Amino acid sequence: MTLAEKDVSCLMKELHMNRESIRNAFLKLPSYIEVMGAKNGLRTEINTVIRHFSTKSLLSEQLYSLIVKQYKAMKNLVSVTQIEKDNRLNVAKVNQFIKELSVNNKWSDLDSQNIFKHENYKYVQNRKVKGFVDQFFDWLLGNGAKFHYRLLNTETNELDDFFALEEIQAGNSKKGRILGFDQAIDGDVEAICGFYNGKIKFLPALQRSCQGLKSPEFNKFNRFKRPVYFSFKRSELMDRQLRTQFNLFVACLSVKPVKIQYGGQKMRVLTNNFEFKLDDFEPKQSQSKTMQGRLRRQFGNINPDTFQDYLGKHIKLSKVYKFFYEHTHEAGADITKDKEGYLHDYVTLKRERGKDKKNTIVVSSDTYPVCFWVPKDVAHEVDKIGISAGLPPEFILEYWLKYLGDLKAGISEKDVVKSLNNEIIKTNDTVTAMINHWFQLAGTDNWLKAVKKIDGMIKGRIKPIDANDDEDDIDDDIDDGLGE
């Protein structure tokens, strides 16, 4: 039997599959070629084989090769179920994640058409599995993950308070950082850890990167005090080259009020005015060699100038301004001058004076809190904008005021608020005058009755009352449709 004369039984032998499995694959071929495209001759052959399916059904070289290639391609697909097991992912959370990807037409980027896929399972291309897992963890961190939780400390064998941003160690040398906490495969909350080798995974128990390290014990963020905002890319948190600087940042925030948010692959850290006292983390002669070595391993050689530059890169929001600028200005507009003009910003970094405080960096803010209450759907949209811009919602109103001022020929935010106030007063005066007119037209000073009558007038069921006419005149003026 030549290749052109091969039949279904040959497929069964080559692929080590039974008749029913081969038949199920053939039943999926029409929809497959509809998506992928095929010549009419192949379509006709497939329909004929399905209609008269048997182990002796002859297959053309083209159709036989197509089936074999599909079978080999299936080896490059990994079921989501297997990915969940390998990465200890929560099934319900993964299903919700995939549902959102499908709604946004992003699932097809990870999936692949194949006639041998089991209809009850979803699959991801093998080369895209890591990307799928990373996307899932990003989604998890931005959708209700915790940033503080009590887990087993393997160093002390006791429950301990762990916080996102802390550096941890798995095994003897594998280091990474806590990104957050959420439910793993069995429903228990575990730590989501990003490692310096680029992998993200769940850990049910933790060990800090240096022996003897304690929890930073972040306090509750006070939203009524002036906020200071830092933003870090997830990739920066998982960068070994930046570990000592970030460890110093976390250590300086110990026992300080801190709020952590995640979105758009960025970790956002909010705190209030405070000081980075770098001398507290410098090895001292009075300390034991063990302690000095521990400080050097954790924080490296501390250079106040370098660290201040590091803070400045994550406190100036040039990318945030660029985002808003590009969404409020014409395409191609030059943003350089305007963007830099905005960076006088309301957060300052300065070094304390005096011999004893020369290594102290003061971070202060000149912003003031204003609370706005909005409908739930509006709040949700503001959160979405914040995630897209890498910006906490608390700061969005202030930036909108800046851009409104820019659109109004560069007036200040204060003048923008004044102009909005004038518009509100003008609108209120117009509405008040309109309501008085409605009362007059409806012949009542009752608000609900007036609205009902106005509605009737608009729909033609009721004629307006003329203040200069009496009721008899009104009745005479009504057209009864019979003519004069």
Protein backbone atom coordinates (compact mmCIF):
# COMPACT_ATOMS: atom_id res chain seq x y z
CA MET A 1 0.00 0.00 0.00
CA THR A 2 1.49 3.36 -1.07
CA LEU A 3 1.25 6.58 0.93
CA ALA A 4 -1.61 7.70 -1.33
CA GLU A 5 -3.46 4.44 -0.54
CA LYS A 6 -3.13 4.51 3.23
CA ASP A 7 -6.33 4.14 5.19
CA VAL A 8 -7.63 4.85 8.70
CA SER A 9 -6.16 1.60 10.07
CA CYS A 10 -2.70 2.85 9.09
CA LEU A 11 -3.32 6.01 11.11
CA MET A 12 -4.36 3.94 14.10
CA LYS A 13 -1.12 1.96 13.98
CA GLU A 14 1.16 4.97 13.43
CA LEU A 15 -0.45 7.11 16.11
CA HIS A 16 -1.19 4.24 18.52
CA MET A 17 -4.81 5.33 18.81
CA ASN A 18 -8.08 3.39 18.69
CA ARG A 19 -10.78 3.77 16.05
CA GLU A 20 -13.03 5.97 18.21
CA SER A 21 -10.25 8.46 19.02
CA ILE A 22 -9.37 8.80 15.32
CA ARG A 23 -13.06 9.26 14.46
CA ASN A 24 -13.46 12.01 17.10
CA ALA A 25 -10.46 13.81 15.57
CA PHE A 26 -12.06 13.60 12.09
CA LEU A 27 -15.31 15.06 13.46
CA LYS A 28 -13.38 18.18 14.50
CA LEU A 29 -11.73 18.62 11.11
CA PRO A 30 -14.55 20.61 9.42
CA SER A 31 -14.42 23.38 12.04
CA TYR A 32 -10.60 23.26 12.05
CA ILE A 33 -10.25 23.81 8.29
CA GLU A 34 -12.97 26.46 8.48
CA VAL A 35 -10.66 28.46 10.76
CA MET A 36 -7.36 27.54 9.12
CA GLY A 37 -8.58 27.46 5.52
CA ALA A 38 -8.46 24.57 3.01
CA LYS A 39 -9.19 23.82 -0.65
CA ASN A 40 -12.65 22.58 -1.59
CA GLY A 41 -11.25 19.19 -2.62
CA LEU A 42 -9.98 18.54 0.89
CA ARG A 43 -13.29 19.68 2.39
CA THR A 44 -15.16 17.21 0.18
CA GLU A 45 -12.82 14.33 1.10
CA ILE A 46 -13.16 15.04 4.84
CA ASN A 47 -16.96 15.09 4.63
CA THR A 48 -16.95 11.82 2.67
CA VAL A 49 -14.65 10.07 5.18
CA ILE A 50 -16.82 11.25 8.12
CA ARG A 51 -20.05 10.13 6.39
CA HIS A 52 -18.70 6.63 5.60
CA PHE A 53 -16.14 6.31 8.39
CA SER A 54 -14.45 2.92 8.78
CA THR A 55 -10.96 1.56 9.35
CA LYS A 56 -10.73 0.89 5.60
CA SER A 57 -11.57 4.45 4.56
CA LEU A 58 -8.81 5.53 2.16
CA LEU A 59 -7.05 8.83 2.81
CA SER A 60 -5.21 11.10 0.40
CA GLU A 61 -1.59 11.96 1.08
CA GLN A 62 -2.61 15.53 1.98
CA LEU A 63 -5.27 14.46 4.50
CA TYR A 64 -3.10 11.72 6.02
CA SER A 65 -0.21 14.14 6.51
CA LEU A 66 -2.55 16.75 8.04
CA ILE A 67 -3.74 14.27 10.69
CA VAL A 68 -0.18 13.18 11.55
CA LYS A 69 1.03 16.81 11.83
CA GLN A 70 -1.89 17.64 14.12
CA TYR A 71 -1.01 14.68 16.33
CA LYS A 72 2.64 15.78 16.58
CA ALA A 73 1.59 19.39 17.22
CA MET A 74 -0.53 18.21 20.13
CA LYS A 75 2.69 17.36 21.96
CA ASN A 76 3.46 21.08 22.01
CA LEU A 77 0.26 21.83 23.95
CA VAL A 78 -0.03 21.63 27.74
CA SER A 79 -3.41 21.30 29.41
CA VAL A 80 -4.39 24.04 31.86
CA THR A 81 -5.13 21.25 34.34
CA GLN A 82 -1.49 20.15 34.16
CA ILE A 83 -0.29 23.75 34.51
CA GLU A 84 -2.44 24.12 37.63
CA LYS A 85 -0.87 21.00 39.16
CA ASP A 86 2.69 21.93 38.21
CA ASN A 87 2.36 25.46 39.62
CA ARG A 88 -0.11 24.70 42.42
CA LEU A 89 -2.66 27.20 41.05
CA ASN A 90 -6.20 27.51 42.39
CA VAL A 91 -8.62 25.99 39.83
CA ALA A 92 -11.49 28.43 40.47
CA LYS A 93 -9.19 31.45 40.20
CA VAL A 94 -7.64 30.16 36.96
CA ASN A 95 -11.10 29.61 35.46
CA GLN A 96 -12.05 33.20 36.30
CA PHE A 97 -8.79 34.45 34.80
CA ILE A 98 -9.34 32.53 31.55
CA LYS A 99 -12.93 33.79 31.41
CA GLU A 100 -11.68 37.39 31.54
CA LEU A 101 -9.05 36.64 28.88
CA SER A 102 -11.77 35.19 26.64
CA VAL A 103 -14.06 38.19 27.12
CA ASN A 104 -11.19 40.49 26.11
CA ASN A 105 -10.26 38.24 23.12
CA LYS A 106 -6.82 37.49 24.60
CA TRP A 107 -7.19 33.75 25.20
CA SER A 108 -6.59 32.95 21.51
CA ASP A 109 -3.03 34.35 21.89
CA LEU A 110 -2.22 31.47 24.25
CA ASP A 111 -4.40 28.73 22.79
CA SER A 112 -3.88 26.79 19.54
CA GLN A 113 -6.28 24.98 17.18
CA ASN A 114 -5.85 21.20 17.26
CA ILE A 115 -8.23 18.34 16.42
CA PHE A 116 -6.81 16.07 19.14
CA LYS A 117 -7.62 18.41 22.04
CA HIS A 118 -10.02 16.98 24.60
CA GLU A 119 -13.21 19.03 24.48
CA ASN A 120 -13.41 19.26 28.30
CA TYR A 121 -9.91 20.73 28.70
CA LYS A 122 -8.16 23.96 27.77
CA TYR A 123 -4.61 24.03 26.48
CA VAL A 124 -1.72 26.47 26.26
CA GLN A 125 1.15 26.33 23.79
CA ASN A 126 4.21 24.91 25.55
CA ARG A 127 6.40 27.94 24.71
CA LYS A 128 3.76 30.24 26.25
CA VAL A 129 3.21 28.39 29.55
CA LYS A 130 5.56 30.66 31.55
CA GLY A 131 3.87 33.74 30.09
CA PHE A 132 0.47 32.32 31.02
CA VAL A 133 1.58 31.63 34.60
CA ASP A 134 3.16 35.10 34.94
CA GLN A 135 0.00 36.74 33.55
CA PHE A 136 -2.11 34.76 36.00
CA PHE A 137 -0.02 35.89 38.98
CA ASP A 138 -0.17 39.51 37.74
CA TRP A 139 -3.96 39.18 37.52
CA LEU A 140 -4.11 37.58 40.97
CA LEU A 141 -2.03 40.33 42.57
CA GLY A 142 -4.22 43.02 41.01
CA ASN A 143 -7.53 41.36 41.96
CA GLY A 144 -7.81 41.14 45.72
CA ALA A 145 -4.50 39.60 46.76
CA LYS A 146 -3.33 40.25 50.31
CA PHE A 147 -0.06 42.00 51.06
CA HIS A 148 0.30 40.81 54.66
CA TYR A 149 -0.28 37.30 56.04
CA ARG A 150 0.84 34.96 58.81
CA LEU A 151 2.69 31.90 57.54
CA LEU A 152 5.10 29.34 58.92
CA ASN A 153 8.64 30.67 59.31
CA THR A 154 10.87 27.68 58.53
CA GLU A 155 13.79 29.28 60.41
CA THR A 156 11.90 29.38 63.74
CA ASN A 157 9.26 26.75 62.91
CA GLU A 158 6.62 29.19 64.17
CA LEU A 159 3.91 31.32 62.57
CA ASP A 160 5.25 34.75 61.64
CA ASP A 161 3.97 37.97 60.05
CA PHE A 162 5.22 38.34 56.49
CA PHE A 163 4.72 41.32 54.20
CA ALA A 164 4.93 41.87 50.46
CA LEU A 165 8.31 43.37 49.40
CA GLU A 166 10.32 41.27 51.90
CA GLU A 167 13.28 39.31 50.51
CA ILE A 168 13.03 35.55 51.13
CA GLN A 169 15.10 32.46 50.48
CA ALA A 170 14.04 29.02 49.22
CA GLY A 171 16.47 26.23 50.00
CA ASN A 172 20.11 27.09 50.59
CA SER A 173 20.63 29.87 48.06
CA LYS A 174 17.59 30.61 45.87
CA LYS A 175 16.50 34.16 46.70
CA GLY A 176 13.48 36.19 45.68
CA ARG A 177 10.86 38.57 47.01
CA ILE A 178 7.32 38.30 48.33
CA LEU A 179 4.87 39.88 45.88
CA GLY A 180 1.66 39.09 47.75
CA PHE A 181 -0.54 36.35 49.18
CA ASP A 182 -3.52 34.46 47.76
CA GLN A 183 -5.22 31.07 47.58
CA ALA A 184 -3.13 28.27 46.09
CA ILE A 185 -4.29 24.90 44.70
CA ASP A 186 -5.88 23.57 47.89
CA GLY A 187 -7.59 26.85 48.84
CA ASP A 188 -5.10 27.78 51.57
CA VAL A 189 -3.44 31.21 51.39
CA GLU A 190 0.22 31.03 50.42
CA ALA A 191 2.92 33.54 49.46
CA ILE A 192 3.34 34.57 45.82
CA CYS A 193 7.10 34.87 45.42
CA GLY A 194 9.06 36.31 42.51
CA PHE A 195 12.57 34.88 42.30
CA TYR A 196 15.70 36.44 40.84
CA ASN A 197 15.84 33.64 38.23
CA GLY A 198 12.61 35.03 36.73
CA LYS A 199 10.15 32.47 38.09
CA ILE A 200 7.02 33.26 40.11
CA LYS A 201 5.47 30.60 42.31
CA PHE A 202 3.52 29.85 45.48
CA LEU A 203 5.29 28.97 48.73
CA PRO A 204 3.33 27.61 51.73
CA ALA A 205 6.12 28.46 54.23
CA LEU A 206 8.84 31.10 54.17
CA GLN A 207 12.35 31.88 55.31
CA ARG A 208 13.84 35.38 55.25
CA SER A 209 16.96 35.82 53.14
CA CYS A 210 19.29 36.46 56.09
CA GLN A 211 19.25 34.62 59.38
CA GLY A 212 17.82 36.65 62.23
CA LEU A 213 15.91 39.15 60.09
CA LYS A 214 12.61 40.34 61.55
CA SER A 215 9.29 41.35 59.98
CA PRO A 216 9.16 45.01 58.79
CA GLU A 217 5.73 45.23 60.49
CA PHE A 218 4.29 47.92 58.24
CA ASN A 219 1.62 49.99 59.99
CA LYS A 220 -1.76 50.92 58.53
CA PHE A 221 -1.53 53.72 55.97
CA ASN A 222 -3.24 56.93 57.09
CA ARG A 223 -5.07 58.31 54.05
CA PHE A 224 -5.70 61.61 55.83
CA LYS A 225 -1.99 62.40 56.05
CA ARG A 226 0.13 63.67 53.20
CA PRO A 227 1.00 60.77 50.90
CA VAL A 228 4.34 59.87 49.34
CA TYR A 229 4.14 57.50 46.40
CA PHE A 230 6.76 55.11 44.98
CA SER A 231 6.33 52.85 41.94
CA PHE A 232 8.40 49.76 41.08
CA LYS A 233 8.12 47.45 38.09
CA ARG A 234 7.69 43.78 38.96
CA SER A 235 10.85 43.08 36.96
CA GLU A 236 12.77 45.44 39.28
CA LEU A 237 11.60 43.53 42.35
CA MET A 238 12.93 40.35 40.73
CA ASP A 239 16.27 41.87 39.67
CA ARG A 240 19.25 40.53 41.62
CA GLN A 241 21.32 43.62 40.74
CA LEU A 242 18.85 45.88 42.57
CA ARG A 243 18.24 43.67 45.61
CA THR A 244 20.41 45.53 48.17
CA GLN A 245 18.92 48.94 47.33
CA PHE A 246 15.39 47.60 47.55
CA ASN A 247 16.18 45.77 50.80
CA LEU A 248 17.35 49.11 52.22
CA PHE A 249 14.13 50.76 51.00
CA VAL A 250 12.00 48.10 52.76
CA ALA A 251 14.08 48.26 55.94
CA CYS A 252 13.68 52.05 56.14
CA LEU A 253 9.88 51.60 55.89
CA SER A 254 9.85 49.23 58.87
CA VAL A 255 7.07 50.13 61.36
CA LYS A 256 6.04 53.01 59.06
CA PRO A 257 2.50 53.44 57.64
CA VAL A 258 2.49 51.64 54.29
CA LYS A 259 -0.14 50.80 51.69
CA ILE A 260 0.74 48.42 48.84
CA GLN A 261 -1.17 48.21 45.56
CA TYR A 262 -0.49 46.18 42.43
CA GLY A 263 -1.53 46.65 38.81
CA GLY A 264 -0.06 46.80 35.35
CA GLN A 265 2.97 44.75 36.47
CA LYS A 266 3.86 47.50 38.94
CA MET A 267 4.04 47.52 42.72
CA ARG A 268 2.84 50.83 44.13
CA VAL A 269 3.96 51.77 47.63
CA LEU A 270 2.27 54.63 49.48
CA THR A 271 3.51 56.01 52.76
CA ASN A 272 3.52 59.34 54.61
CA ASN A 273 6.31 61.86 55.21
CA PHE A 274 9.29 60.14 56.82
CA GLU A 275 13.08 59.89 57.01
CA PHE A 276 15.47 57.31 55.54
CA LYS A 277 18.04 57.00 58.35
CA LEU A 278 20.79 55.19 56.46
CA ASP A 279 23.23 55.16 59.38
CA ASP A 280 20.97 52.62 61.12
CA PHE A 281 21.93 50.05 58.48
CA GLU A 282 25.66 50.72 58.23
CA PRO A 283 27.96 48.15 59.89
CA LYS A 284 29.58 49.60 63.03
CA GLN A 285 32.77 48.69 64.85
CA SER A 286 30.81 48.16 68.05
CA GLN A 287 28.80 45.36 66.38
CA SER A 288 29.86 41.73 66.19
CA LYS A 289 31.44 40.52 62.95
CA THR A 290 28.38 38.33 62.42
CA MET A 291 26.07 41.35 62.56
CA GLN A 292 28.37 43.43 60.33
CA GLY A 293 28.45 40.64 57.74
CA ARG A 294 24.68 40.28 57.88
CA LEU A 295 24.18 44.00 57.22
CA ARG A 296 26.60 43.95 54.27
CA ARG A 297 24.93 40.90 52.73
CA GLN A 298 21.51 42.46 53.12
CA PHE A 299 22.18 46.10 52.17
CA GLY A 300 25.57 46.12 50.40
CA ASN A 301 27.84 49.14 50.65
CA ILE A 302 25.49 52.03 51.40
CA ASN A 303 26.08 55.21 49.42
CA PRO A 304 23.60 58.00 50.35
CA ASP A 305 24.01 59.76 46.98
CA THR A 306 23.36 56.57 45.00
CA PHE A 307 20.40 55.66 47.17
CA GLN A 308 18.89 59.12 46.84
CA ASP A 309 19.14 58.82 43.05
CA TYR A 310 17.50 55.40 43.29
CA LEU A 311 14.58 56.85 45.28
CA GLY A 312 14.25 59.73 42.85
CA LYS A 313 13.81 57.38 39.88
CA HIS A 314 10.81 55.80 41.57
CA ILE A 315 9.23 58.90 43.03
CA LYS A 316 9.16 61.12 39.91
CA LEU A 317 6.14 60.18 37.88
CA SER A 318 7.31 61.15 34.39
CA LYS A 319 5.78 58.03 32.84
CA VAL A 320 2.49 58.75 34.57
CA TYR A 321 2.46 62.28 33.21
CA LYS A 322 3.34 60.97 29.78
CA PHE A 323 0.36 58.60 29.96
CA PHE A 324 -2.06 61.38 30.83
CA TYR A 325 -0.46 63.78 28.37
CA GLU A 326 -0.81 61.33 25.50
CA HIS A 327 -4.46 60.80 26.39
CA THR A 328 -5.29 64.50 26.52
CA HIS A 329 -3.15 65.98 23.71
CA GLU A 330 -3.05 65.60 19.97
CA ALA A 331 -0.91 62.81 18.51
CA GLY A 332 2.65 63.93 17.85
CA ALA A 333 2.60 66.78 20.36
CA ASP A 334 5.95 67.60 21.97
CA ILE A 335 5.67 66.56 25.60
CA THR A 336 9.23 67.11 26.78
CA LYS A 337 8.92 70.65 28.05
CA ASP A 338 5.47 70.25 29.55
CA LYS A 339 6.29 66.93 31.18
CA GLU A 340 9.39 68.28 32.87
CA GLY A 341 7.42 71.33 33.95
CA TYR A 342 5.10 69.11 35.92
CA LEU A 343 7.94 67.49 37.81
CA HIS A 344 8.38 70.22 40.38
CA ASP A 345 5.98 67.79 42.02
CA TYR A 346 4.62 67.75 45.50
CA VAL A 347 7.19 65.27 46.81
CA THR A 348 10.70 66.33 47.75
CA LEU A 349 13.88 64.47 48.69
CA LYS A 350 16.44 66.35 50.76
CA ARG A 351 19.37 65.54 53.01
CA GLU A 352 19.28 66.57 56.64
CA ARG A 353 21.89 69.08 57.75
CA GLY A 354 24.29 68.48 60.56
CA LYS A 355 27.14 66.06 61.10
CA ASP A 356 24.99 63.45 62.83
CA LYS A 357 22.28 63.49 60.16
CA LYS A 358 24.22 63.85 56.92
CA ASN A 359 23.14 60.34 55.88
CA THR A 360 19.45 60.98 56.56
CA ILE A 361 17.16 61.50 53.54
CA VAL A 362 13.86 63.26 54.25
CA VAL A 363 10.91 62.38 52.02
CA SER A 364 8.10 64.89 52.32
CA SER A 365 4.89 65.76 50.51
CA ASP A 366 3.03 69.03 50.11
CA THR A 367 -0.31 67.50 49.10
CA TYR A 368 -3.57 67.72 51.05
CA PRO A 369 -6.38 65.13 51.17
CA VAL A 370 -9.79 65.74 49.60
CA CYS A 371 -12.41 62.98 49.71
CA PHE A 372 -14.84 62.53 46.80
CA TRP A 373 -17.75 60.10 46.99
CA VAL A 374 -18.74 58.63 43.63
CA PRO A 375 -20.95 55.73 42.40
CA LYS A 376 -19.41 52.27 42.53
CA ASP A 377 -19.06 51.98 38.74
CA VAL A 378 -17.24 55.34 38.62
CA ALA A 379 -14.85 54.23 41.35
CA HIS A 380 -14.19 51.05 39.38
CA GLU A 381 -13.34 53.03 36.24
CA VAL A 382 -10.99 55.30 38.23
CA ASP A 383 -9.22 52.18 39.54
CA LYS A 384 -8.86 50.88 35.96
CA ILE A 385 -7.33 54.18 34.85
CA GLY A 386 -4.94 54.05 37.80
CA ILE A 387 -3.82 50.54 36.85
CA SER A 388 -3.26 51.57 33.21
CA ALA A 389 -1.24 54.58 34.31
CA GLY A 390 0.57 52.81 37.14
CA LEU A 391 -0.94 55.35 39.52
CA PRO A 392 -2.89 55.04 42.79
CA PRO A 393 -6.49 56.36 42.47
CA GLU A 394 -5.75 58.83 45.28
CA PHE A 395 -3.60 60.88 42.89
CA ILE A 396 -5.74 60.83 39.76
CA LEU A 397 -7.93 63.86 40.50
CA GLU A 398 -4.87 66.03 41.10
CA TYR A 399 -3.37 65.06 37.72
CA TRP A 400 -6.65 65.64 35.92
CA LEU A 401 -6.72 69.14 37.36
CA LYS A 402 -3.20 69.67 36.01
CA TYR A 403 -4.22 68.60 32.54
CA LEU A 404 -7.43 70.61 32.58
CA GLY A 405 -5.27 73.60 33.44
CA ASP A 406 -2.92 72.76 30.60
CA LEU A 407 -5.85 72.52 28.17
CA LYS A 408 -7.05 75.93 29.37
CA ALA A 409 -3.86 77.69 28.23
CA GLY A 410 -1.73 76.64 31.18
CA ILE A 411 -3.74 78.04 34.09
CA SER A 412 -3.05 76.73 37.59
CA GLU A 413 -4.98 73.92 39.28
CA LYS A 414 -6.43 76.48 41.70
CA ASP A 415 -7.82 78.49 38.76
CA VAL A 416 -9.21 75.30 37.20
CA VAL A 417 -11.19 74.65 40.40
CA LYS A 418 -12.40 78.28 40.36
CA SER A 419 -13.58 77.94 36.75
CA LEU A 420 -15.36 74.67 37.61
CA ASN A 421 -16.99 76.46 40.53
CA ASN A 422 -18.21 79.21 38.17
CA GLU A 423 -19.63 76.59 35.82
CA ILE A 424 -21.44 74.86 38.71
CA ILE A 425 -22.92 78.16 39.91
CA LYS A 426 -24.03 79.05 36.37
CA THR A 427 -25.59 75.59 35.89
CA ASN A 428 -27.33 75.80 39.26
CA ASP A 429 -28.80 79.22 38.38
CA THR A 430 -30.02 77.88 35.03
CA VAL A 431 -31.62 74.81 36.60
CA THR A 432 -33.25 76.89 39.35
CA ALA A 433 -34.78 79.25 36.78
CA MET A 434 -35.91 76.28 34.70
CA ILE A 435 -37.63 74.64 37.72
CA ASN A 436 -39.49 77.87 38.50
CA HIS A 437 -40.65 77.95 34.88
CA TRP A 438 -41.78 74.32 35.16
CA PHE A 439 -43.82 75.15 38.27
CA GLN A 440 -45.50 77.96 36.33
CA LEU A 441 -46.24 75.76 33.30
CA ALA A 442 -47.60 72.94 35.46
CA GLY A 443 -49.65 75.22 37.68
CA THR A 444 -48.21 73.73 40.88
CA ASP A 445 -45.34 74.26 43.30
CA ASN A 446 -45.13 70.53 44.11
CA TRP A 447 -41.94 69.06 42.61
CA LEU A 448 -43.26 65.55 41.87
CA LYS A 449 -46.53 66.84 40.38
CA ALA A 450 -44.60 69.31 38.25
CA VAL A 451 -42.29 66.60 36.88
CA LYS A 452 -45.27 64.34 36.00
CA LYS A 453 -47.08 67.18 34.23
CA ILE A 454 -43.94 68.27 32.35
CA ASP A 455 -43.47 64.66 31.24
CA GLY A 456 -47.05 64.65 30.00
CA MET A 457 -46.53 67.93 28.14
CA ILE A 458 -43.40 66.63 26.44
CA LYS A 459 -45.26 63.51 25.31
CA GLY A 460 -48.26 65.58 24.14
CA ARG A 461 -50.81 64.33 26.64
CA ILE A 462 -51.14 67.64 28.53
CA LYS A 463 -51.20 71.23 27.32
CA PRO A 464 -49.14 73.82 29.28
CA ILE A 465 -51.03 76.32 31.45
CA ASP A 466 -50.76 79.92 30.27
CA ALA A 467 -50.43 82.19 33.29
CA ASN A 468 -52.45 84.87 31.47
CA ASP A 469 -55.42 82.61 30.69
CA ASP A 470 -58.13 81.26 32.98
CA GLU A 471 -59.24 77.62 32.97
CA ASP A 472 -62.24 78.23 30.67
CA ASP A 473 -59.97 79.75 28.04
CA ILE A 474 -57.68 76.77 28.33
CA ASP A 475 -60.53 74.34 27.67
CA ASP A 476 -61.68 76.40 24.64
CA ASP A 477 -58.21 76.40 23.16
CA ILE A 478 -57.81 72.62 23.28
CA ASP A 479 -58.15 71.13 19.79
CA ASP A 480 -60.71 68.31 19.92
CA GLY A 481 -59.75 67.13 16.47
CA LEU A 482 -63.21 67.86 14.99
CA GLY A 483 -62.31 71.13 13.30
CA GLU A 484 -64.10 74.46 13.64
